[in-house]
N, C-alpha and C. Protein backbone atom coordinates (compact mmCIF):
# COMPACT_ATOMS: atom_id res chain seq x y z
N MET A 1 98.77 120.44 -21.95
CA MET A 1 97.85 120.77 -23.02
C MET A 1 96.46 120.24 -22.68
N ARG A 2 95.47 120.98 -23.10
CA ARG A 2 94.08 120.62 -22.84
C ARG A 2 93.41 120.09 -24.10
N ALA A 3 92.43 119.23 -23.93
CA ALA A 3 91.66 118.72 -25.05
C ALA A 3 90.48 119.65 -25.32
N TYR A 4 90.23 119.94 -26.59
CA TYR A 4 89.13 120.81 -27.01
C TYR A 4 88.40 120.20 -28.20
N GLU A 5 87.16 120.60 -28.37
CA GLU A 5 86.40 120.34 -29.58
C GLU A 5 85.83 121.67 -30.06
N LEU A 6 85.90 121.90 -31.34
CA LEU A 6 85.34 123.12 -31.94
C LEU A 6 84.25 122.70 -32.91
N MET A 7 83.01 123.07 -32.61
CA MET A 7 81.91 122.82 -33.53
C MET A 7 81.61 124.11 -34.27
N THR A 8 81.53 124.01 -35.59
CA THR A 8 81.29 125.17 -36.43
C THR A 8 80.14 124.88 -37.37
N ILE A 9 79.26 125.86 -37.55
CA ILE A 9 78.16 125.76 -38.51
C ILE A 9 78.37 126.81 -39.58
N PHE A 10 78.44 126.36 -40.83
CA PHE A 10 78.67 127.25 -41.97
C PHE A 10 77.37 127.49 -42.73
N ARG A 11 77.35 128.57 -43.51
CA ARG A 11 76.18 128.98 -44.28
C ARG A 11 75.79 127.90 -45.30
N PRO A 12 74.49 127.68 -45.52
CA PRO A 12 74.05 126.62 -46.44
C PRO A 12 74.25 126.96 -47.92
N GLU A 13 74.45 128.23 -48.27
CA GLU A 13 74.65 128.61 -49.67
C GLU A 13 76.01 128.19 -50.20
N MET A 14 76.93 127.93 -49.30
CA MET A 14 78.29 127.58 -49.70
C MET A 14 78.31 126.18 -50.33
N ALA A 15 79.25 125.98 -51.25
CA ALA A 15 79.47 124.64 -51.81
C ALA A 15 80.23 123.81 -50.78
N GLU A 16 80.05 122.50 -50.84
CA GLU A 16 80.70 121.63 -49.87
C GLU A 16 82.23 121.75 -49.92
N THR A 17 82.78 121.94 -51.11
CA THR A 17 84.23 122.10 -51.23
C THR A 17 84.71 123.38 -50.55
N GLU A 18 83.92 124.45 -50.63
CA GLU A 18 84.27 125.70 -49.96
C GLU A 18 84.28 125.50 -48.45
N VAL A 19 83.29 124.77 -47.94
CA VAL A 19 83.20 124.52 -46.50
C VAL A 19 84.41 123.70 -46.04
N ARG A 20 84.77 122.69 -46.80
CA ARG A 20 85.93 121.87 -46.44
C ARG A 20 87.22 122.70 -46.46
N ASN A 21 87.31 123.66 -47.41
CA ASN A 21 88.47 124.56 -47.44
C ASN A 21 88.49 125.46 -46.20
N GLU A 22 87.33 125.93 -45.77
CA GLU A 22 87.25 126.75 -44.56
C GLU A 22 87.69 125.95 -43.33
N VAL A 23 87.28 124.69 -43.26
CA VAL A 23 87.66 123.83 -42.13
C VAL A 23 89.18 123.63 -42.13
N THR A 24 89.75 123.44 -43.31
CA THR A 24 91.21 123.30 -43.43
C THR A 24 91.90 124.57 -42.96
N THR A 25 91.36 125.73 -43.30
CA THR A 25 91.92 127.01 -42.86
C THR A 25 91.87 127.13 -41.34
N ILE A 26 90.78 126.68 -40.73
CA ILE A 26 90.66 126.70 -39.27
C ILE A 26 91.71 125.79 -38.65
N GLU A 27 91.89 124.60 -39.23
CA GLU A 27 92.91 123.67 -38.72
C GLU A 27 94.30 124.29 -38.81
N GLN A 28 94.59 124.97 -39.90
CA GLN A 28 95.90 125.60 -40.07
C GLN A 28 96.10 126.72 -39.06
N ALA A 29 95.04 127.49 -38.78
CA ALA A 29 95.14 128.56 -37.79
C ALA A 29 95.40 127.98 -36.40
N LEU A 30 94.73 126.88 -36.07
CA LEU A 30 94.97 126.24 -34.78
C LEU A 30 96.39 125.70 -34.69
N ALA A 31 96.85 125.05 -35.76
CA ALA A 31 98.20 124.49 -35.77
C ALA A 31 99.26 125.59 -35.67
N ALA A 32 99.00 126.74 -36.30
CA ALA A 32 99.93 127.86 -36.22
C ALA A 32 100.05 128.38 -34.78
N GLY A 33 98.98 128.23 -34.01
CA GLY A 33 99.01 128.64 -32.61
C GLY A 33 99.59 127.60 -31.68
N GLY A 34 100.00 126.46 -32.22
CA GLY A 34 100.61 125.43 -31.40
C GLY A 34 99.69 124.27 -31.06
N ALA A 35 98.51 124.23 -31.64
CA ALA A 35 97.57 123.14 -31.35
C ALA A 35 97.94 121.89 -32.13
N GLU A 36 97.57 120.76 -31.58
CA GLU A 36 97.77 119.47 -32.23
C GLU A 36 96.39 118.92 -32.62
N ILE A 37 96.10 118.87 -33.93
CA ILE A 37 94.81 118.41 -34.43
C ILE A 37 94.73 116.90 -34.28
N LYS A 38 93.68 116.42 -33.61
CA LYS A 38 93.49 114.99 -33.39
C LYS A 38 92.57 114.39 -34.44
N ALA A 39 91.45 115.07 -34.76
CA ALA A 39 90.49 114.53 -35.72
C ALA A 39 89.60 115.66 -36.24
N THR A 40 89.08 115.44 -37.44
CA THR A 40 88.12 116.37 -38.03
C THR A 40 86.94 115.55 -38.51
N ASP A 41 85.75 115.93 -38.06
CA ASP A 41 84.54 115.21 -38.43
C ASP A 41 83.62 116.17 -39.18
N PHE A 42 83.43 115.91 -40.47
CA PHE A 42 82.56 116.75 -41.30
C PHE A 42 81.19 116.08 -41.37
N TRP A 43 80.17 116.74 -40.83
CA TRP A 43 78.83 116.15 -40.77
C TRP A 43 78.01 116.43 -42.02
N GLY A 44 78.39 117.43 -42.79
CA GLY A 44 77.62 117.79 -43.98
C GLY A 44 76.48 118.75 -43.63
N LYS A 45 75.54 118.88 -44.55
CA LYS A 45 74.43 119.82 -44.37
C LYS A 45 73.35 119.16 -43.52
N ARG A 46 72.97 119.86 -42.45
CA ARG A 46 71.94 119.37 -41.52
C ARG A 46 70.88 120.44 -41.31
N ARG A 47 69.69 119.99 -41.00
CA ARG A 47 68.59 120.88 -40.70
C ARG A 47 68.67 121.30 -39.23
N PHE A 48 68.39 122.58 -38.95
CA PHE A 48 68.42 123.10 -37.57
C PHE A 48 67.16 122.70 -36.82
N ALA A 49 67.25 122.63 -35.52
CA ALA A 49 66.09 122.40 -34.68
C ALA A 49 65.23 123.66 -34.60
N TYR A 50 65.85 124.82 -34.76
CA TYR A 50 65.13 126.09 -34.77
C TYR A 50 65.85 127.04 -35.73
N GLU A 51 65.17 128.06 -36.15
CA GLU A 51 65.73 129.00 -37.12
C GLU A 51 66.82 129.87 -36.49
N ILE A 52 67.93 130.02 -37.21
CA ILE A 52 69.04 130.87 -36.78
C ILE A 52 69.29 131.88 -37.88
N ASP A 53 69.17 133.16 -37.60
CA ASP A 53 69.41 134.22 -38.57
C ASP A 53 68.63 133.99 -39.87
N HIS A 54 67.37 133.57 -39.74
CA HIS A 54 66.47 133.32 -40.88
C HIS A 54 66.95 132.17 -41.76
N LEU A 55 67.73 131.26 -41.22
CA LEU A 55 68.21 130.07 -41.94
C LEU A 55 67.70 128.82 -41.24
N ASN A 56 67.44 127.77 -42.04
CA ASN A 56 66.92 126.53 -41.48
C ASN A 56 67.91 125.37 -41.55
N GLU A 57 69.06 125.57 -42.23
CA GLU A 57 70.05 124.51 -42.33
C GLU A 57 71.44 125.08 -42.48
N GLY A 58 72.45 124.23 -42.28
CA GLY A 58 73.83 124.67 -42.41
C GLY A 58 74.77 123.47 -42.41
N TYR A 59 76.02 123.70 -42.76
CA TYR A 59 77.05 122.66 -42.77
C TYR A 59 77.72 122.60 -41.40
N TYR A 60 77.80 121.41 -40.85
CA TYR A 60 78.42 121.21 -39.54
C TYR A 60 79.80 120.58 -39.70
N ALA A 61 80.74 121.02 -38.88
CA ALA A 61 82.07 120.42 -38.82
C ALA A 61 82.56 120.47 -37.37
N VAL A 62 83.22 119.39 -36.95
CA VAL A 62 83.76 119.31 -35.58
C VAL A 62 85.25 119.01 -35.68
N VAL A 63 86.07 119.85 -35.06
CA VAL A 63 87.51 119.65 -35.03
C VAL A 63 87.92 119.35 -33.59
N THR A 64 88.58 118.22 -33.40
CA THR A 64 89.08 117.82 -32.08
C THR A 64 90.58 118.09 -32.06
N PHE A 65 91.03 118.78 -31.00
CA PHE A 65 92.45 119.14 -30.93
C PHE A 65 92.89 119.30 -29.49
N GLN A 66 94.21 119.38 -29.30
CA GLN A 66 94.80 119.66 -28.01
C GLN A 66 95.63 120.93 -28.14
N ALA A 67 95.50 121.81 -27.16
CA ALA A 67 96.22 123.09 -27.23
C ALA A 67 96.33 123.70 -25.84
N GLU A 68 97.16 124.71 -25.76
CA GLU A 68 97.24 125.51 -24.55
C GLU A 68 96.02 126.43 -24.50
N ALA A 69 95.76 127.00 -23.34
CA ALA A 69 94.53 127.76 -23.12
C ALA A 69 94.39 128.98 -24.02
N GLY A 70 95.45 129.69 -24.34
CA GLY A 70 95.34 130.92 -25.10
C GLY A 70 95.11 130.77 -26.59
N VAL A 71 95.27 129.59 -27.13
CA VAL A 71 95.16 129.38 -28.57
C VAL A 71 93.73 129.63 -29.07
N THR A 72 92.75 129.29 -28.27
CA THR A 72 91.36 129.38 -28.72
C THR A 72 90.88 130.82 -28.90
N SER A 73 91.44 131.76 -28.20
CA SER A 73 90.95 133.14 -28.26
C SER A 73 91.14 133.77 -29.64
N ASP A 74 92.27 133.53 -30.28
CA ASP A 74 92.51 134.09 -31.61
C ASP A 74 91.58 133.49 -32.66
N VAL A 75 91.41 132.18 -32.59
CA VAL A 75 90.52 131.50 -33.54
C VAL A 75 89.07 131.90 -33.28
N ASP A 76 88.71 132.04 -32.02
CA ASP A 76 87.36 132.46 -31.65
C ASP A 76 87.03 133.83 -32.25
N ARG A 77 87.96 134.74 -32.17
CA ARG A 77 87.75 136.09 -32.72
C ARG A 77 87.62 136.03 -34.24
N ALA A 78 88.46 135.26 -34.91
CA ALA A 78 88.41 135.14 -36.37
C ALA A 78 87.09 134.53 -36.83
N LEU A 79 86.61 133.52 -36.12
CA LEU A 79 85.34 132.90 -36.49
C LEU A 79 84.16 133.82 -36.24
N SER A 80 84.25 134.64 -35.21
CA SER A 80 83.18 135.61 -34.91
C SER A 80 83.05 136.65 -36.02
N LEU A 81 84.16 136.99 -36.65
CA LEU A 81 84.16 138.00 -37.71
C LEU A 81 83.86 137.43 -39.09
N SER A 82 83.91 136.13 -39.25
CA SER A 82 83.71 135.50 -40.56
C SER A 82 82.24 135.54 -40.97
N ASP A 83 81.99 135.92 -42.22
CA ASP A 83 80.63 135.95 -42.75
C ASP A 83 80.12 134.56 -43.10
N ASN A 84 81.02 133.60 -43.30
CA ASN A 84 80.63 132.24 -43.68
C ASN A 84 80.22 131.38 -42.49
N VAL A 85 80.53 131.81 -41.28
CA VAL A 85 80.22 131.03 -40.08
C VAL A 85 78.95 131.57 -39.44
N ILE A 86 77.98 130.68 -39.26
CA ILE A 86 76.72 131.06 -38.59
C ILE A 86 76.93 131.03 -37.08
N ARG A 87 77.45 129.90 -36.58
CA ARG A 87 77.72 129.74 -35.15
C ARG A 87 78.96 128.89 -34.96
N HIS A 88 79.62 129.07 -33.84
CA HIS A 88 80.75 128.22 -33.46
C HIS A 88 80.82 128.14 -31.95
N LYS A 89 81.38 127.05 -31.45
CA LYS A 89 81.48 126.87 -30.01
C LYS A 89 82.65 125.95 -29.70
N PHE A 90 83.44 126.35 -28.71
CA PHE A 90 84.53 125.52 -28.20
C PHE A 90 84.01 124.73 -27.00
N PHE A 91 84.34 123.43 -26.97
CA PHE A 91 83.96 122.55 -25.85
C PHE A 91 85.22 121.97 -25.24
N ARG A 92 85.14 121.70 -23.94
CA ARG A 92 86.19 120.96 -23.25
C ARG A 92 85.59 119.61 -22.87
N PRO A 93 85.84 118.56 -23.64
CA PRO A 93 85.27 117.24 -23.29
C PRO A 93 85.88 116.70 -22.00
N GLU A 94 85.13 115.89 -21.31
CA GLU A 94 85.53 115.22 -20.06
C GLU A 94 84.52 115.43 -19.00
């Protein structure tokens, strides 16, 4: 199994509870694919260094997990289609 980090930026109009529910949904999708969630770090609403899609701020969340290589592709596709997600990125720490 490989170690991964998933950073996700959510829309600023959302309530914090909605964002936390979305993060929980992401964790459940990863776990359903066989991933083992190590930690979840919710950063809250932060200001962007530059404008993204005419927005200046968003909610940040980082999920650290271990999984096989194919697990990320399904979650990546779902996050790309979500209207609540501004940006997301998978990292391989090390």
